[in-house]
Amino acid sequence: MSERQPNDKERKCAICGKPQDPGFRPFCSKRCADIDLGRWLKEGYAIPGGEPPPEESTNDNEDI
């Protein structure tokens, strides 16, 4: 059987852990929503990845 989903009063703010406000969901306030937006704008959220593949040299002078 599946687990019970928390109702809106049980859900916690994604930033501070206080109960969510339906007007700012998934946050509790405009302040926490603005903190999250600032993290996005400053590229604070990133998915870790491996090294990018080396770029191939495209020297146009090789044909001369």
Protein backbone atom coordinates (compact mmCIF):
# COMPACT_ATOMS: atom_id res chain seq x y z
CA MET A 1 0.00 0.00 0.00
CA SER A 2 1.14 3.57 -0.61
CA GLU A 3 2.12 5.90 2.22
CA ARG A 4 -0.25 8.64 3.33
CA GLN A 5 0.44 12.03 1.70
CA PRO A 6 0.74 14.96 4.17
CA ASN A 7 -2.04 17.55 3.94
CA ASP A 8 -1.27 21.25 3.40
CA LYS A 9 -1.05 21.97 7.15
CA GLU A 10 1.55 19.20 7.62
CA ARG A 11 3.80 20.19 4.71
CA LYS A 12 6.95 22.08 5.61
CA CYS A 13 8.57 25.11 3.99
CA ALA A 14 11.33 24.16 1.57
CA ILE A 15 13.66 26.77 3.14
CA CYS A 16 13.04 26.97 6.90
CA GLY A 17 10.81 23.99 7.73
CA LYS A 18 7.83 25.99 9.09
CA PRO A 19 4.32 25.01 7.89
CA GLN A 20 3.62 26.07 4.29
CA ASP A 21 1.32 28.98 3.49
CA PRO A 22 -0.96 28.12 0.53
CA GLY A 23 -0.29 31.60 -0.92
CA PHE A 24 3.48 30.97 -1.08
CA ARG A 25 3.59 27.20 -1.50
CA PRO A 26 6.06 25.42 -1.18
CA PHE A 27 7.23 28.17 1.18
CA CYS A 28 5.86 29.68 4.39
CA SER A 29 6.30 33.33 3.42
CA LYS A 30 7.44 35.80 0.77
CA ARG A 31 10.79 36.00 2.58
CA CYS A 32 11.52 32.28 2.08
CA ALA A 33 10.31 32.48 -1.53
CA ASP A 34 12.70 35.40 -2.11
CA ILE A 35 15.59 33.49 -0.51
CA ASP A 36 14.95 30.61 -2.93
CA LEU A 37 14.76 32.98 -5.90
CA GLY A 38 18.08 34.56 -4.87
CA ARG A 39 19.71 31.14 -4.76
CA TRP A 40 18.49 30.43 -8.30
CA LEU A 41 19.69 33.80 -9.59
CA LYS A 42 23.14 33.37 -8.00
CA GLU A 43 23.31 29.85 -9.47
CA GLY A 44 23.37 28.34 -5.98
CA TYR A 45 21.54 25.26 -7.22
CA ALA A 46 23.50 22.96 -9.50
CA ILE A 47 23.50 19.33 -10.48
CA PRO A 48 26.97 17.85 -10.00
CA GLY A 49 28.41 16.37 -13.15
CA GLY A 50 31.59 14.95 -14.56
CA GLU A 51 34.24 16.74 -16.54
CA PRO A 52 33.04 18.00 -19.92
CA PRO A 53 34.56 16.26 -22.95
CA PRO A 54 37.57 18.05 -24.45
CA GLU A 55 36.69 20.30 -27.36
CA GLU A 56 38.15 19.45 -30.74
CA SER A 57 40.43 22.01 -32.29
CA THR A 58 38.83 23.78 -35.26
CA ASN A 59 41.73 25.70 -36.70
CA ASP A 60 40.74 27.13 -40.10
CA ASN A 61 44.39 27.74 -41.04
CA GLU A 62 45.23 24.02 -41.32
CA ASP A 63 44.27 23.91 -45.03
CA ILE A 64 46.75 26.57 -46.06
